[in-house]
Amino acid sequence: MKFELMNLPYAQTALEPHLSAETLSYHYGKHHAGYVNKLNALIEGTQYADKSLEDIITQADGSIFNNAAQVFNHDFYWYGLSPVPTTTSLKLLNQIRQDFGSLAQLKEAFLSAASGFFGSGWIWLILSDNGNLAIETTSNADTPLRHGHIPLLTCDVWEHAYYIDYRNARPDYLESWWELVNWEFVSDNLAHAADTSS
């Protein structure tokens, strides 16, 4: 198989009590794995068989795009979480202060967008074309890569991400998810974006 399910950078029990091992068993072990397997089956013998995940996302449509984007989105989601507290780089913190006022104001704006988002999708912190941080929402499998934007962090607001633990209380899930954000991952993404553009 061309694509493989990523290895989680922590044990499936490591995010408790915020996200249970049962949630990870289904979300990672069933949903995420299912997208990987479906993508491999769909691209076999097609023009996408030898392309990178990013190329497939920017070039394909329909089921191939949906499954490729969901593989990318879920990879990004898991890397964006940490079972131990992390801190922002000074560069990221300064950028947050410049564009949102404070980390607390970023949290308020991000969780408000995520809580109010209708249906299934993703909430992103991105680096926009003008070099500022921005919050972007995408429906279903859509991803900032499709629109030429640079993702820094994402939150999955499909119900399978939280229903086992929180039922329909999405705001409670979001508060817990925020406690798990891997700020080192976000900081590294911002630094890499700056290096790429310079």
Protein backbone atom coordinates (compact mmCIF):
# COMPACT_ATOMS: atom_id res chain seq x y z
CA MET A 1 0.00 0.00 0.00
CA LYS A 2 1.21 3.48 -0.85
CA PHE A 3 -0.11 5.30 2.20
CA GLU A 4 0.06 3.98 5.74
CA LEU A 5 -1.78 4.98 8.88
CA MET A 6 0.49 7.26 10.87
CA ASN A 7 1.77 6.11 14.24
CA LEU A 8 0.31 8.18 17.04
CA PRO A 9 3.06 10.11 18.87
CA TYR A 10 1.57 8.97 22.20
CA ALA A 11 -0.32 6.00 23.64
CA GLN A 12 -4.07 5.81 23.02
CA THR A 13 -4.61 6.29 26.76
CA ALA A 14 -2.32 9.34 26.95
CA LEU A 15 -4.95 11.99 26.25
CA GLU A 16 -7.25 10.94 29.08
CA PRO A 17 -9.26 12.34 30.77
CA HIS A 18 -9.76 14.87 27.96
CA LEU A 19 -10.13 12.25 25.21
CA SER A 20 -10.68 8.64 26.19
CA ALA A 21 -8.86 5.59 24.87
CA GLU A 22 -12.23 4.44 23.52
CA THR A 23 -12.57 7.63 21.48
CA LEU A 24 -9.06 7.20 20.05
CA SER A 25 -9.77 3.54 19.32
CA TYR A 26 -12.68 4.55 17.10
CA HIS A 27 -11.48 7.91 15.81
CA TYR A 28 -7.92 6.84 14.99
CA GLY A 29 -8.28 3.08 14.72
CA LYS A 30 -11.50 3.00 12.68
CA HIS A 31 -12.23 6.34 11.02
CA HIS A 32 -8.68 7.52 10.28
CA ALA A 33 -7.55 4.02 9.28
CA GLY A 34 -10.61 3.70 7.06
CA TYR A 35 -9.70 6.83 5.11
CA VAL A 36 -6.17 5.51 4.53
CA ASN A 37 -7.42 2.14 3.31
CA LYS A 38 -10.10 3.66 1.10
CA LEU A 39 -7.63 6.11 -0.45
CA ASN A 40 -5.20 3.33 -1.32
CA ALA A 41 -8.00 1.35 -2.98
CA LEU A 42 -9.25 4.37 -4.93
CA ILE A 43 -5.90 5.48 -6.36
CA GLU A 44 -4.68 2.05 -7.42
CA GLY A 45 -4.09 2.09 -11.17
CA THR A 46 -4.96 5.79 -11.52
CA GLN A 47 -2.94 8.90 -12.30
CA TYR A 48 -2.75 9.52 -8.55
CA ALA A 49 -1.07 6.22 -7.67
CA ASP A 50 2.41 7.73 -7.45
CA LYS A 51 1.52 11.24 -6.28
CA SER A 52 2.09 12.70 -2.84
CA LEU A 53 -0.82 13.24 -0.49
CA GLU A 54 -0.55 17.00 -0.98
CA ASP A 55 -0.61 16.66 -4.78
CA ILE A 56 -3.68 14.44 -4.62
CA ILE A 57 -5.45 16.97 -2.39
CA THR A 58 -4.76 19.88 -4.76
CA GLN A 59 -5.52 17.94 -7.96
CA ALA A 60 -8.23 15.34 -7.29
CA ASP A 61 -11.96 15.60 -6.85
CA GLY A 62 -14.75 13.45 -5.46
CA SER A 63 -14.01 10.40 -3.33
CA ILE A 64 -10.27 10.49 -3.98
CA PHE A 65 -10.04 14.06 -2.76
CA ASN A 66 -12.31 13.41 0.23
CA ASN A 67 -10.28 10.46 1.49
CA ALA A 68 -6.88 12.06 0.80
CA ALA A 69 -7.91 15.25 2.59
CA GLN A 70 -9.27 13.31 5.54
CA VAL A 71 -5.97 11.44 5.86
CA PHE A 72 -4.08 14.75 5.88
CA ASN A 73 -6.54 16.45 8.22
CA HIS A 74 -6.43 13.61 10.74
CA ASP A 75 -2.63 13.38 10.64
CA PHE A 76 -2.52 17.11 11.36
CA TYR A 77 -5.09 16.80 14.14
CA TRP A 78 -3.19 14.08 16.03
CA TYR A 79 0.16 15.83 15.73
CA GLY A 80 -1.50 18.97 17.08
CA LEU A 81 -2.26 17.29 20.41
CA SER A 82 0.07 16.54 23.31
CA PRO A 83 -0.49 14.65 26.57
CA VAL A 84 1.95 16.96 28.35
CA PRO A 85 1.80 20.76 28.57
CA THR A 86 3.66 22.64 25.85
CA THR A 87 4.48 26.30 25.29
CA THR A 88 4.46 28.59 22.30
CA SER A 89 7.65 29.87 20.76
CA LEU A 90 8.29 33.58 21.27
CA LYS A 91 7.71 34.09 17.53
CA LEU A 92 4.29 32.43 17.68
CA LEU A 93 3.31 34.24 20.88
CA ASN A 94 4.24 37.60 19.37
CA GLN A 95 2.27 36.77 16.21
CA ILE A 96 -0.75 35.79 18.29
CA ARG A 97 -0.54 39.03 20.26
CA GLN A 98 -0.25 41.02 17.04
CA ASP A 99 -3.19 39.36 15.29
CA PHE A 100 -5.54 38.43 18.17
CA GLY A 101 -4.41 40.52 21.14
CA SER A 102 -3.54 37.60 23.41
CA LEU A 103 -3.57 33.82 23.62
CA ALA A 104 -6.79 34.06 25.64
CA GLN A 105 -8.41 36.09 22.85
CA LEU A 106 -7.24 33.56 20.26
CA LYS A 107 -8.83 30.80 22.34
CA GLU A 108 -12.09 32.73 22.58
CA ALA A 109 -12.22 33.35 18.81
CA PHE A 110 -11.17 29.84 17.87
CA LEU A 111 -13.56 28.02 20.20
CA SER A 112 -16.39 30.38 19.25
CA ALA A 113 -15.88 29.54 15.58
CA ALA A 114 -15.69 25.83 16.39
CA SER A 115 -18.73 25.85 18.66
CA GLY A 116 -20.86 27.75 16.16
CA PHE A 117 -19.79 25.74 13.12
CA PHE A 118 -22.78 23.95 11.59
CA GLY A 119 -22.37 20.31 10.63
CA SER A 120 -19.17 18.33 10.17
CA GLY A 121 -15.80 19.86 9.42
CA TRP A 122 -12.61 21.39 10.69
CA ILE A 123 -11.51 24.61 12.39
CA TRP A 124 -8.02 25.81 11.53
CA LEU A 125 -5.46 28.32 12.63
CA ILE A 126 -3.73 29.30 9.41
CA LEU A 127 -1.10 31.66 8.14
CA SER A 128 -2.94 33.75 5.58
CA ASP A 129 -1.63 35.20 2.33
CA ASN A 130 -0.87 38.53 4.02
CA GLY A 131 1.30 36.88 6.66
CA ASN A 132 -1.23 37.22 9.48
CA LEU A 133 -2.73 34.45 11.57
CA ALA A 134 -6.38 33.74 10.83
CA ILE A 135 -9.10 31.27 11.73
CA GLU A 136 -10.55 29.29 8.85
CA THR A 137 -13.42 26.81 8.84
CA THR A 138 -13.78 24.03 6.27
CA SER A 139 -16.73 21.72 5.75
CA ASN A 140 -16.57 17.95 5.55
CA ALA A 141 -13.11 16.95 4.21
CA ASP A 142 -12.06 20.35 2.91
CA THR A 143 -8.65 21.62 3.96
CA PRO A 144 -6.64 24.88 3.72
CA LEU A 145 -4.20 23.14 1.36
CA ARG A 146 -6.94 23.14 -1.24
CA HIS A 147 -7.02 26.94 -1.06
CA GLY A 148 -3.30 27.60 -0.94
CA HIS A 149 -3.27 28.44 2.77
CA ILE A 150 -0.74 27.24 5.36
CA PRO A 151 -2.29 25.27 8.24
CA LEU A 152 -0.80 25.62 11.71
CA LEU A 153 -3.39 23.84 13.90
CA THR A 154 -6.72 22.10 13.44
CA CYS A 155 -9.64 20.91 15.52
CA ASP A 156 -11.90 18.13 14.26
CA VAL A 157 -15.57 18.93 14.83
CA TRP A 158 -17.00 15.82 13.18
CA GLU A 159 -19.14 14.09 15.80
CA HIS A 160 -16.93 10.99 15.75
CA ALA A 161 -14.18 13.11 17.32
CA TYR A 162 -16.10 13.64 20.55
CA TYR A 163 -19.48 11.88 20.73
CA ILE A 164 -18.33 8.93 22.86
CA ASP A 165 -16.95 11.24 25.55
CA TYR A 166 -19.14 14.32 25.26
CA ARG A 167 -22.27 13.23 23.38
CA ASN A 168 -23.67 16.39 21.74
CA ALA A 169 -21.85 18.83 24.07
CA ARG A 170 -19.39 20.15 21.53
CA PRO A 171 -18.37 23.17 23.67
CA ASP A 172 -17.23 20.82 26.46
CA TYR A 173 -15.14 18.84 23.97
CA LEU A 174 -13.60 22.06 22.66
CA GLU A 175 -12.56 23.23 26.12
CA SER A 176 -10.90 19.87 26.77
CA TRP A 177 -9.30 19.81 23.32
CA TRP A 178 -7.74 23.22 23.96
CA GLU A 179 -6.01 21.81 27.05
CA LEU A 180 -4.24 19.31 24.76
CA VAL A 181 -2.98 21.69 22.05
CA ASN A 182 0.63 20.97 21.13
CA TRP A 183 2.00 24.50 20.91
CA GLU A 184 5.42 23.21 19.93
CA PHE A 185 3.85 21.68 16.80
CA VAL A 186 2.08 24.96 16.02
CA SER A 187 5.30 26.91 16.61
CA ASP A 188 7.26 24.58 14.34
CA ASN A 189 4.67 24.97 11.58
CA LEU A 190 4.93 28.75 11.79
CA ALA A 191 8.74 28.62 11.74
CA HIS A 192 8.71 26.27 8.75
CA ALA A 193 6.30 28.55 6.89
CA ALA A 194 8.61 31.50 7.53
CA ASP A 195 11.66 29.55 6.32
CA THR A 196 9.81 28.43 3.18
CA SER A 197 8.72 31.96 2.28
CA SER A 198 12.11 33.57 2.88
